[in-house]
PDB file of N, CA and C in Angstrom:
ATOM      1  N   MET A   1     -63.560  81.441 -32.325  1.00  0.00           N
ATOM      2  CA  MET A   1     -62.625  80.696 -31.529  1.00  0.00           C
ATOM      3  C   MET A   1     -61.531  80.224 -32.331  1.00  0.00           C
ATOM      4  N   GLU A   2     -60.146  80.230 -31.689  1.00  0.00           N
ATOM      5  CA  GLU A   2     -59.324  80.196 -31.818  1.00  0.00           C
ATOM      6  C   GLU A   2     -58.566  78.978 -31.306  1.00  0.00           C
ATOM      7  N   LEU A   3     -57.619  78.235 -32.179  1.00  0.00           N
ATOM      8  CA  LEU A   3     -56.883  77.205 -31.452  1.00  0.00           C
ATOM      9  C   LEU A   3     -55.151  77.272 -31.326  1.00  0.00           C
ATOM     10  N   THR A   4     -54.761  77.238 -29.940  1.00  0.00           N
ATOM     11  CA  THR A   4     -53.632  77.444 -29.859  1.00  0.00           C
ATOM     12  C   THR A   4     -52.881  76.100 -29.483  1.00  0.00           C
ATOM     13  N   LEU A   5     -52.159  75.543 -30.007  1.00  0.00           N
ATOM     14  CA  LEU A   5     -51.357  74.087 -29.590  1.00  0.00           C
ATOM     15  C   LEU A   5     -50.052  74.502 -28.721  1.00  0.00           C
ATOM     16  N   VAL A   6     -50.077  73.801 -27.905  1.00  0.00           N
ATOM     17  CA  VAL A   6     -49.039  73.945 -26.840  1.00  0.00           C
ATOM     18  C   VAL A   6     -48.442  72.715 -26.708  1.00  0.00           C
ATOM     19  N   SER A   7     -47.250  72.053 -26.409  1.00  0.00           N
ATOM     20  CA  SER A   7     -46.664  71.376 -26.095  1.00  0.00           C
ATOM     21  C   SER A   7     -45.978  71.495 -24.443  1.00  0.00           C
ATOM     22  N   LEU A   8     -45.946  70.497 -23.747  1.00  0.00           N
ATOM     23  CA  LEU A   8     -45.647  69.995 -21.774  1.00  0.00           C
ATOM     24  C   LEU A   8     -45.366  69.188 -21.833  1.00  0.00           C
ATOM     25  N   VAL A   9     -43.471  68.845 -21.019  1.00  0.00           N
ATOM     26  CA  VAL A   9     -42.711  68.590 -21.095  1.00  0.00           C
ATOM     27  C   VAL A   9     -42.532  68.234 -19.744  1.00  0.00           C
ATOM     28  N   PRO A  10     -42.490  66.937 -19.242  1.00  0.00           N
ATOM     29  CA  PRO A  10     -42.132  66.421 -17.842  1.00  0.00           C
ATOM     30  C   PRO A  10     -40.695  67.161 -17.231  1.00  0.00           C
ATOM     31  N   PRO A  11     -40.308  67.066 -15.860  1.00  0.00           N
ATOM     32  CA  PRO A  11     -38.640  67.790 -15.644  1.00  0.00           C
ATOM     33  C   PRO A  11     -37.703  66.670 -15.947  1.00  0.00           C
ATOM     34  N   GLY A  12     -38.290  65.807 -16.143  1.00  0.00           N
ATOM     35  CA  GLY A  12     -37.057  63.956 -16.155  1.00  0.00           C
ATOM     36  C   GLY A  12     -37.643  63.532 -17.306  1.00  0.00           C
ATOM     37  N   PRO A  13     -36.913  62.180 -17.654  1.00  0.00           N
ATOM     38  CA  PRO A  13     -38.019  60.909 -17.965  1.00  0.00           C
ATOM     39  C   PRO A  13     -39.303  60.774 -18.201  1.00  0.00           C
ATOM     40  N   VAL A  14     -40.006  60.599 -19.081  1.00  0.00           N
ATOM     41  CA  VAL A  14     -41.361  60.111 -18.839  1.00  0.00           C
ATOM     42  C   VAL A  14     -41.151  58.836 -19.117  1.00  0.00           C
ATOM     43  N   PRO A  15     -41.661  58.286 -17.428  1.00  0.00           N
ATOM     44  CA  PRO A  15     -42.008  56.931 -17.311  1.00  0.00           C
ATOM     45  C   PRO A  15     -43.024  55.947 -17.875  1.00  0.00           C
ATOM     46  N   GLY A  16     -44.291  56.642 -18.295  1.00  0.00           N
ATOM     47  CA  GLY A  16     -45.060  56.437 -18.877  1.00  0.00           C
ATOM     48  C   GLY A  16     -45.767  57.342 -19.430  1.00  0.00           C
ATOM     49  N   PRO A  17     -47.152  56.780 -20.240  1.00  0.00           N
ATOM     50  CA  PRO A  17     -48.290  58.052 -20.646  1.00  0.00           C
ATOM     51  C   PRO A  17     -48.680  58.898 -19.165  1.00  0.00           C
ATOM     52  N   ALA A  18     -48.697  60.084 -19.704  1.00  0.00           N
ATOM     53  CA  ALA A  18     -49.521  61.122 -18.994  1.00  0.00           C
ATOM     54  C   ALA A  18     -51.241  60.660 -18.548  1.00  0.00           C
ATOM     55  N   ASP A  19     -51.502  61.167 -17.383  1.00  0.00           N
ATOM     56  CA  ASP A  19     -52.961  60.929 -17.133  1.00  0.00           C
ATOM     57  C   ASP A  19     -53.742  61.964 -17.827  1.00  0.00           C
ATOM     58  N   ASP A  20     -54.176  61.612 -19.037  1.00  0.00           N
ATOM     59  CA  ASP A  20     -55.093  62.732 -19.787  1.00  0.00           C
ATOM     60  C   ASP A  20     -56.008  63.516 -19.087  1.00  0.00           C
ATOM     61  N   GLY A  21     -56.872  62.234 -18.314  1.00  0.00           N
ATOM     62  CA  GLY A  21     -57.895  62.563 -17.577  1.00  0.00           C
ATOM     63  C   GLY A  21     -57.541  63.722 -16.676  1.00  0.00           C
ATOM     64  N   ARG A  22     -56.761  63.200 -15.676  1.00  0.00           N
ATOM     65  CA  ARG A  22     -56.140  64.258 -14.685  1.00  0.00           C
ATOM     66  C   ARG A  22     -55.664  65.490 -15.300  1.00  0.00           C
ATOM     67  N   LEU A  23     -54.930  65.923 -16.396  1.00  0.00           N
ATOM     68  CA  LEU A  23     -54.827  67.090 -16.689  1.00  0.00           C
ATOM     69  C   LEU A  23     -55.921  67.641 -17.508  1.00  0.00           C
ATOM     70  N   LEU A  24     -56.582  67.041 -18.385  1.00  0.00           N
ATOM     71  CA  LEU A  24     -57.664  67.519 -18.755  1.00  0.00           C
ATOM     72  C   LEU A  24     -58.816  68.461 -17.329  1.00  0.00           C
ATOM     73  N   ARG A  25     -58.894  67.620 -16.327  1.00  0.00           N
ATOM     74  CA  ARG A  25     -59.629  67.842 -15.187  1.00  0.00           C
ATOM     75  C   ARG A  25     -58.818  69.416 -14.596  1.00  0.00           C
ATOM     76  N   LEU A  26     -57.847  69.323 -14.720  1.00  0.00           N
ATOM     77  CA  LEU A  26     -56.127  70.581 -14.070  1.00  0.00           C
ATOM     78  C   LEU A  26     -56.666  71.484 -14.572  1.00  0.00           C
ATOM     79  N   LEU A  27     -56.825  71.507 -16.504  1.00  0.00           N
ATOM     80  CA  LEU A  27     -56.780  72.359 -16.831  1.00  0.00           C
ATOM     81  C   LEU A  27     -58.248  73.245 -16.980  1.00  0.00           C
ATOM     82  N   TRP A  28     -59.757  72.438 -17.227  1.00  0.00           N
ATOM     83  CA  TRP A  28     -60.348  73.002 -16.908  1.00  0.00           C
ATOM     84  C   TRP A  28     -60.639  73.760 -15.912  1.00  0.00           C
ATOM     85  N   GLY A  29     -60.047  73.465 -14.670  1.00  0.00           N
ATOM     86  CA  GLY A  29     -60.401  73.890 -13.159  1.00  0.00           C
ATOM     87  C   GLY A  29     -59.275  75.120 -13.477  1.00  0.00           C
ATOM     88  N   ALA A  30     -59.095  75.203 -14.264  1.00  0.00           N
ATOM     89  CA  ALA A  30     -57.339  76.175 -13.966  1.00  0.00           C
ATOM     90  C   ALA A  30     -58.061  77.770 -14.884  1.00  0.00           C
ATOM     91  N   ALA A  31     -59.154  76.976 -15.693  1.00  0.00           N
ATOM     92  CA  ALA A  31     -59.548  78.270 -16.541  1.00  0.00           C
ATOM     93  C   ALA A  31     -60.768  79.491 -16.112  1.00  0.00           C
ATOM     94  N   ARG A  32     -60.690  80.250 -16.296  1.00  0.00           N
ATOM     95  CA  ARG A  32     -61.671  81.399 -15.782  1.00  0.00           C
ATOM     96  C   ARG A  32     -62.582  81.584 -16.353  1.00  0.00           C
ATOM     97  N   PRO A  33     -64.031  81.641 -15.832  1.00  0.00           N
ATOM     98  CA  PRO A  33     -65.123  81.936 -17.018  1.00  0.00           C
ATOM     99  C   PRO A  33     -64.521  82.901 -18.193  1.00  0.00           C
ATOM    100  N   GLU A  34     -64.144  83.742 -17.387  1.00  0.00           N
ATOM    101  CA  GLU A  34     -64.076  85.065 -18.705  1.00  0.00           C
ATOM    102  C   GLU A  34     -63.033  84.319 -19.481  1.00  0.00           C
ATOM    103  N   GLU A  35     -62.544  83.837 -19.721  1.00  0.00           N
ATOM    104  CA  GLU A  35     -61.325  83.118 -20.601  1.00  0.00           C
ATOM    105  C   GLU A  35     -61.938  82.225 -21.767  1.00  0.00           C
ATOM    106  N   ARG A  36     -63.257  82.293 -21.238  1.00  0.00           N
ATOM    107  CA  ARG A  36     -63.996  81.473 -22.490  1.00  0.00           C
ATOM    108  C   ARG A  36     -63.317  80.081 -23.501  1.00  0.00           C
ATOM    109  N   LEU A  37     -62.647  79.344 -22.808  1.00  0.00           N
ATOM    110  CA  LEU A  37     -61.736  78.071 -22.772  1.00  0.00           C
ATOM    111  C   LEU A  37     -63.403  77.236 -23.465  1.00  0.00           C
ATOM    112  N   GLU A  38     -63.608  76.993 -24.331  1.00  0.00           N
ATOM    113  CA  GLU A  38     -64.253  76.183 -25.150  1.00  0.00           C
ATOM    114  C   GLU A  38     -64.304  74.307 -25.133  1.00  0.00           C
ATOM    115  N   HIS A  39     -62.799  74.453 -25.860  1.00  0.00           N
ATOM    116  CA  HIS A  39     -62.735  72.992 -26.245  1.00  0.00           C
ATOM    117  C   HIS A  39     -61.286  72.641 -25.698  1.00  0.00           C
ATOM    118  N   ILE A  40     -60.792  71.179 -25.155  1.00  0.00           N
ATOM    119  CA  ILE A  40     -59.550  71.089 -24.866  1.00  0.00           C
ATOM    120  C   ILE A  40     -59.117  69.872 -25.836  1.00  0.00           C
ATOM    121  N   SER A  41     -58.115  69.485 -26.264  1.00  0.00           N
ATOM    122  CA  SER A  41     -57.454  67.901 -26.611  1.00  0.00           C
ATOM    123  C   SER A  41     -56.566  67.733 -26.453  1.00  0.00           C
ATOM    124  N   VAL A  42     -56.054  66.562 -25.706  1.00  0.00           N
ATOM    125  CA  VAL A  42     -54.623  66.350 -25.413  1.00  0.00           C
ATOM    126  C   VAL A  42     -54.344  65.017 -25.804  1.00  0.00           C
ATOM    127  N   ARG A  43     -52.996  64.957 -26.504  1.00  0.00           N
ATOM    128  CA  ARG A  43     -52.341  63.718 -26.967  1.00  0.00           C
ATOM    129  C   ARG A  43     -51.064  63.912 -25.968  1.00  0.00           C
ATOM    130  N   SER A  44     -51.231  62.378 -25.676  1.00  0.00           N
ATOM    131  CA  SER A  44     -49.652  62.203 -24.950  1.00  0.00           C
ATOM    132  C   SER A  44     -48.622  61.085 -25.467  1.00  0.00           C
ATOM    133  N   GLY A  45     -47.991  61.848 -25.180  1.00  0.00           N
ATOM    134  CA  GLY A  45     -46.661  60.902 -26.097  1.00  0.00           C
ATOM    135  C   GLY A  45     -45.321  60.717 -25.931  1.00  0.00           C
ATOM    136  N   PRO A  46     -44.125  60.138 -26.095  1.00  0.00           N
ATOM    137  CA  PRO A  46     -43.053  59.927 -25.276  1.00  0.00           C
ATOM    138  C   PRO A  46     -42.275  60.842 -24.696  1.00  0.00           C
ATOM    139  N   HIS A  47     -42.484  62.363 -25.317  1.00  0.00           N
ATOM    140  CA  HIS A  47     -42.183  63.259 -24.809  1.00  0.00           C
ATOM    141  C   HIS A  47     -42.264  64.404 -24.189  1.00  0.00           C
ATOM    142  N   GLY A  48     -43.460  63.754 -23.547  1.00  0.00           N
ATOM    143  CA  GLY A  48     -44.722  64.998 -23.617  1.00  0.00           C
ATOM    144  C   GLY A  48     -46.057  64.905 -23.555  1.00  0.00           C
ATOM    145  N   VAL A  49     -46.945  65.895 -23.728  1.00  0.00           N
ATOM    146  CA  VAL A  49     -48.171  66.027 -23.847  1.00  0.00           C
ATOM    147  C   VAL A  49     -48.392  67.029 -24.651  1.00  0.00           C
ATOM    148  N   ASP A  50     -48.839  67.175 -26.176  1.00  0.00           N
ATOM    149  CA  ASP A  50     -49.727  68.265 -26.458  1.00  0.00           C
ATOM    150  C   ASP A  50     -50.988  68.216 -26.325  1.00  0.00           C
ATOM    151  N   LEU A  51     -51.195  69.825 -26.285  1.00  0.00           N
ATOM    152  CA  LEU A  51     -52.540  70.401 -26.040  1.00  0.00           C
ATOM    153  C   LEU A  51     -53.129  70.938 -27.349  1.00  0.00           C
ATOM    154  N   GLY A  52     -54.078  71.147 -27.067  1.00  0.00           N
ATOM    155  CA  GLY A  52     -54.516  72.004 -28.306  1.00  0.00           C
ATOM    156  C   GLY A  52     -56.321  72.739 -27.499  1.00  0.00           C
ATOM    157  N   LEU A  53     -55.713  74.112 -27.158  1.00  0.00           N
ATOM    158  CA  LEU A  53     -56.735  74.721 -26.526  1.00  0.00           C
ATOM    159  C   LEU A  53     -57.277  75.305 -27.670  1.00  0.00           C
ATOM    160  N   PHE A  54     -58.677  75.296 -27.270  1.00  0.00           N
ATOM    161  CA  PHE A  54     -60.190  76.272 -28.184  1.00  0.00           C
ATOM    162  C   PHE A  54     -60.369  77.272 -27.309  1.00  0.00           C
ATOM    163  N   THR A  55     -60.078  78.816 -27.461  1.00  0.00           N
ATOM    164  CA  THR A  55     -60.707  79.791 -26.779  1.00  0.00           C
ATOM    165  C   THR A  55     -60.976  80.665 -27.863  1.00  0.00           C
ATOM    166  N   VAL A  56     -62.303  82.032 -27.138  1.00  0.00           N
ATOM    167  CA  VAL A  56     -62.304  82.732 -27.754  1.00  0.00           C
ATOM    168  C   VAL A  56     -61.268  84.463 -27.347  1.00  0.00           C
ATOM    169  N   ALA A  57     -61.245  85.153 -28.522  1.00  0.00           N
ATOM    170  CA  ALA A  57     -60.146  86.012 -28.099  1.00  0.00           C
ATOM    171  C   ALA A  57     -61.171  86.993 -27.517  1.00  0.00           C
ATOM    172  N   THR A  58     -60.391  88.004 -26.949  1.00  0.00           N
ATOM    173  CA  THR A  58     -61.169  89.162 -26.195  1.00  0.00           C
ATOM    174  C   THR A  58     -60.345  90.359 -26.208  1.00  0.00           C
ATOM    175  N   PRO A  59     -61.151  91.353 -26.257  1.00  0.00           N
ATOM    176  CA  PRO A  59     -60.416  92.753 -26.368  1.00  0.00           C
ATOM    177  C   PRO A  59     -59.030  92.800 -25.556  1.00  0.00           C
ATOM    178  N   ALA A  60     -59.090  92.004 -24.695  1.00  0.00           N
ATOM    179  CA  ALA A  60     -57.903  92.806 -23.183  1.00  0.00           C
ATOM    180  C   ALA A  60     -57.042  91.380 -23.898  1.00  0.00           C
ATOM    181  N   THR A  61     -57.265  90.421 -24.374  1.00  0.00           N
ATOM    182  CA  THR A  61     -56.147  89.271 -24.554  1.00  0.00           C
ATOM    183  C   THR A  61     -56.452  88.627 -25.703  1.00  0.00           C
ATOM    184  N   THR A  62     -55.376  88.238 -26.138  1.00  0.00           N
ATOM    185  CA  THR A  62     -55.270  87.232 -27.623  1.00  0.00           C
ATOM    186  C   THR A  62     -55.656  85.532 -26.987  1.00  0.00           C
ATOM    187  N   ALA A  63     -55.919  84.699 -27.882  1.00  0.00           N
ATOM    188  CA  ALA A  63     -56.331  83.584 -27.766  1.00  0.00           C
ATOM    189  C   ALA A  63     -55.024  82.787 -26.857  1.00  0.00           C
ATOM    190  N   ALA A  64     -54.027  82.810 -27.620  1.00  0.00           N
ATOM    191  CA  ALA A  64     -52.856  82.339 -27.267  1.00  0.00           C
ATOM    192  C   ALA A  64     -52.646  82.499 -25.824  1.00  0.00           C
ATOM    193  N   GLU A  65     -52.203  83.923 -25.445  1.00  0.00           N
ATOM    194  CA  GLU A  65     -52.278  84.357 -24.143  1.00  0.00           C
ATOM    195  C   GLU A  65     -52.977  83.918 -23.029  1.00  0.00           C
ATOM    196  N   THR A  66     -54.431  83.708 -23.542  1.00  0.00           N
ATOM    197  CA  THR A  66     -55.144  82.694 -22.759  1.00  0.00           C
ATOM    198  C   THR A  66     -54.789  81.332 -22.141  1.00  0.00           C
ATOM    199  N   ALA A  67     -55.107  80.767 -23.333  1.00  0.00           N
ATOM    200  CA  ALA A  67     -54.034  79.244 -23.684  1.00  0.00           C
ATOM    201  C   ALA A  67     -52.712  79.165 -22.773  1.00  0.00           C
ATOM    202  N   LEU A  68     -51.842  79.711 -22.613  1.00  0.00           N
ATOM    203  CA  LEU A  68     -51.100  80.059 -21.853  1.00  0.00           C
ATOM    204  C   LEU A  68     -50.690  80.188 -20.709  1.00  0.00           C
ATOM    205  N   ALA A  69     -51.958  80.855 -19.974  1.00  0.00           N
ATOM    206  CA  ALA A  69     -52.485  81.546 -18.593  1.00  0.00           C
ATOM    207  C   ALA A  69     -52.954  80.010 -18.109  1.00  0.00           C
ATOM    208  N   ILE A  70     -53.464  79.005 -18.920  1.00  0.00           N
ATOM    209  CA  ILE A  70     -54.264  78.410 -18.455  1.00  0.00           C
ATOM    210  C   ILE A  70     -53.228  77.619 -18.066  1.00  0.00           C
ATOM    211  N   CYS A  71     -52.604  77.252 -18.908  1.00  0.00           N
ATOM    212  CA  CYS A  71     -51.815  75.814 -18.922  1.00  0.00           C
ATOM    213  C   CYS A  71     -50.694  76.370 -17.743  1.00  0.00           C
ATOM    214  N   ARG A  72     -50.409  77.561 -17.117  1.00  0.00           N
ATOM    215  CA  ARG A  72     -49.485  77.966 -15.962  1.00  0.00           C
ATOM    216  C   ARG A  72     -49.953  77.886 -14.710  1.00  0.00           C
ATOM    217  N   ARG A  73     -51.030  78.288 -14.849  1.00  0.00           N
ATOM    218  CA  ARG A  73     -51.632  77.766 -13.577  1.00  0.00           C
ATOM    219  C   ARG A  73     -52.331  76.484 -13.395  1.00  0.00           C
ATOM    220  N   ALA A  74     -52.714  75.342 -14.591  1.00  0.00           N
ATOM    221  CA  ALA A  74     -52.591  74.254 -14.266  1.00  0.00           C
ATOM    222  C   ALA A  74     -51.517  73.257 -13.752  1.00  0.00           C
ATOM    223  N   LEU A  75     -50.490  73.685 -13.859  1.00  0.00           N
ATOM    224  CA  LEU A  75     -48.849  73.053 -13.670  1.00  0.00           C
ATOM    225  C   LEU A  75     -48.547  74.038 -11.965  1.00  0.00           C
ATOM    226  N   ALA A  76     -48.882  74.644 -11.829  1.00  0.00           N
ATOM    227  CA  ALA A  76     -48.656  75.678 -10.287  1.00  0.00           C
ATOM    228  C   ALA A  76     -48.856  74.554  -9.234  1.00  0.00           C
ATOM    229  N   PRO A  77     -47.917  74.709  -8.273  1.00  0.00           N
ATOM    230  CA  PRO A  77     -47.793  73.956  -7.168  1.00  0.00           C
ATOM    231  C   PRO A  77     -49.513  74.279  -6.899  1.00  0.00           C
ATOM    232  N   PRO A  78     -50.381  72.914  -6.448  1.00  0.00           N
ATOM    233  CA  PRO A  78     -49.889  71.875  -5.944  1.00  0.00           C
ATOM    234  C   PRO A  78     -50.427  70.580  -6.805  1.00  0.00           C
ATOM    235  N   SER A  79     -50.072  71.459  -7.978  1.00  0.00           N
ATOM    236  CA  SER A  79     -50.559  70.227  -9.379  1.00  0.00           C
ATOM    237  C   SER A  79     -49.576  69.122  -9.111  1.00  0.00           C
ATOM    238  N   PRO A  80     -50.498  67.888  -8.930  1.00  0.00           N
ATOM    239  CA  PRO A  80     -49.297  66.840  -9.972  1.00  0.00           C
ATOM    240  C   PRO A  80     -48.659  67.029 -10.699  1.00  0.00           C
ATOM    241  N   PHE A  81     -48.928  67.796 -11.903  1.00  0.00           N
ATOM    242  CA  PHE A  81     -47.764  68.315 -12.766  1.00  0.00           C
ATOM    243  C   PHE A  81     -46.751  69.392 -12.967  1.00  0.00           C
ATOM    244  N   HIS A  82     -46.658  69.403 -11.397  1.00  0.00           N
ATOM    245  CA  HIS A  82     -45.935  70.582 -11.134  1.00  0.00           C
ATOM    246  C   HIS A  82     -44.589  70.324 -11.554  1.00  0.00           C
ATOM    247  N   GLY A  83     -43.337  71.164 -11.935  1.00  0.00           N
ATOM    248  CA  GLY A  83     -42.437  70.584 -12.581  1.00  0.00           C
ATOM    249  C   GLY A  83     -42.485  70.867 -14.303  1.00  0.00           C
ATOM    250  N   TRP A  84     -43.454  70.002 -14.148  1.00  0.00           N
ATOM    251  CA  TRP A  84     -43.753  70.083 -16.211  1.00  0.00           C
ATOM    252  C   TRP A  84     -43.831  71.928 -16.312  1.00  0.00           C
ATOM    253  N   HIS A  85     -43.398  71.667 -18.091  1.00  0.00           N
ATOM    254  CA  HIS A  85     -43.141  73.167 -18.383  1.00  0.00           C
ATOM    255  C   HIS A  85     -43.343  73.521 -19.381  1.00  0.00           C
ATOM    256  N   LEU A  86     -43.746  74.619 -20.180  1.00  0.00           N
ATOM    257  CA  LEU A  86     -44.169  74.784 -21.844  1.00  0.00           C
ATOM    258  C   LEU A  86     -42.466  74.493 -22.204  1.00  0.00           C
ATOM    259  N   ALA A  87     -42.593  73.326 -23.322  1.00  0.00           N
ATOM    260  CA  ALA A  87     -41.836  73.616 -23.885  1.00  0.00           C
ATOM    261  C   ALA A  87     -41.374  74.383 -25.248  1.00  0.00           C
ATOM    262  N   THR A  88     -40.224  74.358 -24.746  1.00  0.00           N
ATOM    263  CA  THR A  88     -39.314  75.773 -25.993  1.00  0.00           C
ATOM    264  C   THR A  88     -38.677  75.116 -27.084  1.00  0.00           C
ATOM    265  N   GLY A  89     -38.888  75.735 -28.065  1.00  0.00           N
ATOM    266  CA  GLY A  89     -38.236  75.480 -29.334  1.00  0.00           C
ATOM    267  C   GLY A  89     -38.354  76.588 -30.091  1.00  0.00           C
ATOM    268  N   SER A  90     -38.118  76.468 -31.804  1.00  0.00           N
ATOM    269  CA  SER A  90     -37.878  78.050 -32.248  1.00  0.00           C
ATOM    270  C   SER A  90     -39.266  78.647 -32.379  1.00  0.00           C
ATOM    271  N   THR A  91     -40.084  78.214 -32.280  1.00  0.00           N
ATOM    272  CA  THR A  91     -41.596  79.123 -32.112  1.00  0.00           C
ATOM    273  C   THR A  91     -41.881  79.543 -30.276  1.00  0.00           C
ATOM    274  N   GLY A  92     -40.977  79.207 -29.675  1.00  0.00           N
ATOM    275  CA  GLY A  92     -41.229  79.247 -28.375  1.00  0.00           C
ATOM    276  C   GLY A  92     -42.137  79.089 -27.526  1.00  0.00           C
ATOM    277  N   LEU A  93     -42.666  78.234 -27.777  1.00  0.00           N
ATOM    278  CA  LEU A  93     -44.238  77.407 -27.659  1.00  0.00           C
ATOM    279  C   LEU A  93     -44.271  75.961 -27.232  1.00  0.00           C
ATOM    280  N   ALA A  94     -43.617  75.437 -28.217  1.00  0.00           N
ATOM    281  CA  ALA A  94     -43.496  73.629 -28.482  1.00  0.00           C
ATOM    282  C   ALA A  94     -41.986  73.247 -28.674  1.00  0.00           C
ATOM    283  N   ARG A  95     -41.917  71.860 -28.728  1.00  0.00           N
ATOM    284  CA  ARG A  95     -40.959  71.666 -28.649  1.00  0.00           C
ATOM    285  C   ARG A  95     -40.396  71.076 -29.929  1.00  0.00           C
ATOM    286  N   PRO A  96     -39.042  71.009 -30.376  1.00  0.00           N
ATOM    287  CA  PRO A  96     -38.774  70.666 -32.021  1.00  0.00           C
ATOM    288  C   PRO A  96     -39.336  69.527 -32.360  1.00  0.00           C
ATOM    289  N   GLY A  97     -40.126  70.089 -33.772  1.00  0.00           N
ATOM    290  CA  GLY A  97     -40.448  68.936 -34.248  1.00  0.00           C
ATOM    291  C   GLY A  97     -41.901  69.360 -33.870  1.00  0.00           C
ATOM    292  N   ALA A  98     -43.124  69.814 -33.081  1.00  0.00           N
ATOM    293  CA  ALA A  98     -44.240  70.425 -33.021  1.00  0.00           C
ATOM    294  C   ALA A  98     -44.613  71.325 -33.763  1.00  0.00           C
ATOM    295  N   THR A  99     -45.846  71.367 -34.105  1.00  0.00           N
ATOM    296  CA  THR A  99     -46.123  72.525 -34.873  1.00  0.00           C
ATOM    297  C   THR A  99     -46.811  73.504 -33.716  1.00  0.00           C
ATOM    298  N   THR A 100     -46.769  74.536 -34.045  1.00  0.00           N
ATOM    299  CA  THR A 100     -47.339  75.790 -33.015  1.00  0.00           C
ATOM    300  C   THR A 100     -48.036  77.176 -33.777  1.00  0.00           C
ATOM    301  N   THR A 101     -49.075  76.767 -33.444  1.00  0.00           N
ATOM    302  CA  THR A 101     -50.014  77.790 -34.577  1.00  0.00           C
ATOM    303  C   THR A 101     -51.005  78.646 -33.730  1.00  0.00           C
ATOM    304  N   THR A 102     -51.413  79.384 -34.212  1.00  0.00           N
ATOM    305  CA  THR A 102     -52.654  80.058 -33.486  1.00  0.00           C
ATOM    306  C   THR A 102     -53.615  80.018 -34.685  1.00  0.00           C
ATOM    307  N   THR A 103     -54.521  79.528 -35.019  1.00  0.00           N
ATOM    308  CA  THR A 103     -55.251  79.966 -36.268  1.00  0.00           C
ATOM    309  C   THR A 103     -56.899  80.199 -35.656  1.00  0.00           C
ATOM    310  N   THR A 104     -57.717  80.747 -36.979  1.00  0.00           N
ATOM    311  CA  THR A 104     -59.234  80.751 -36.322  1.00  0.00           C
ATOM    312  C   THR A 104     -59.931  79.956 -37.211  1.00  0.00           C
ATOM    313  N   THR A 105     -60.832  79.962 -36.215  1.00  0.00           N
ATOM    314  CA  THR A 105     -61.857  78.762 -36.741  1.00  0.00           C
ATOM    315  C   THR A 105     -63.564  79.006 -36.328  1.00  0.00           C
ATOM    316  N   THR A 106     -64.483  78.905 -37.265  1.00  0.00           N
ATOM    317  CA  THR A 106     -65.558  79.454 -36.868  1.00  0.00           C
ATOM    318  C   THR A 106     -66.697  78.446 -36.934  1.00  0.00           C
ATOM    319  N   THR A 107     -67.599  78.748 -35.746  1.00  0.00           N
ATOM    320  CA  THR A 107     -68.225  77.803 -35.130  1.00  0.00           C
ATOM    321  C   THR A 107     -70.120  78.754 -35.364  1.00  0.00           C
TER     322      THR A 107
END
């Protein structure tokens, strides 16, 4: 199982914390069984949402590719989070200051 950290940012100023429960339900709903999503952690902050997605890599895709695909589907219309986007920074995945890694953990 591998952890991929991703930051999501809203299209404009955040009026308050994101609805973490709703976002979790959207992410689980966007995941396909063959993507082997194991766990999601969510942390809302003043600039958006930081996610940790635990997936199992397959011969066809890496864990990071799978996590990003799930996030993109969850943000697609008619999602209530439509307009939110994957943050970009020096790593290409997280907003500046966030730590973006893919690590392998054993279970």
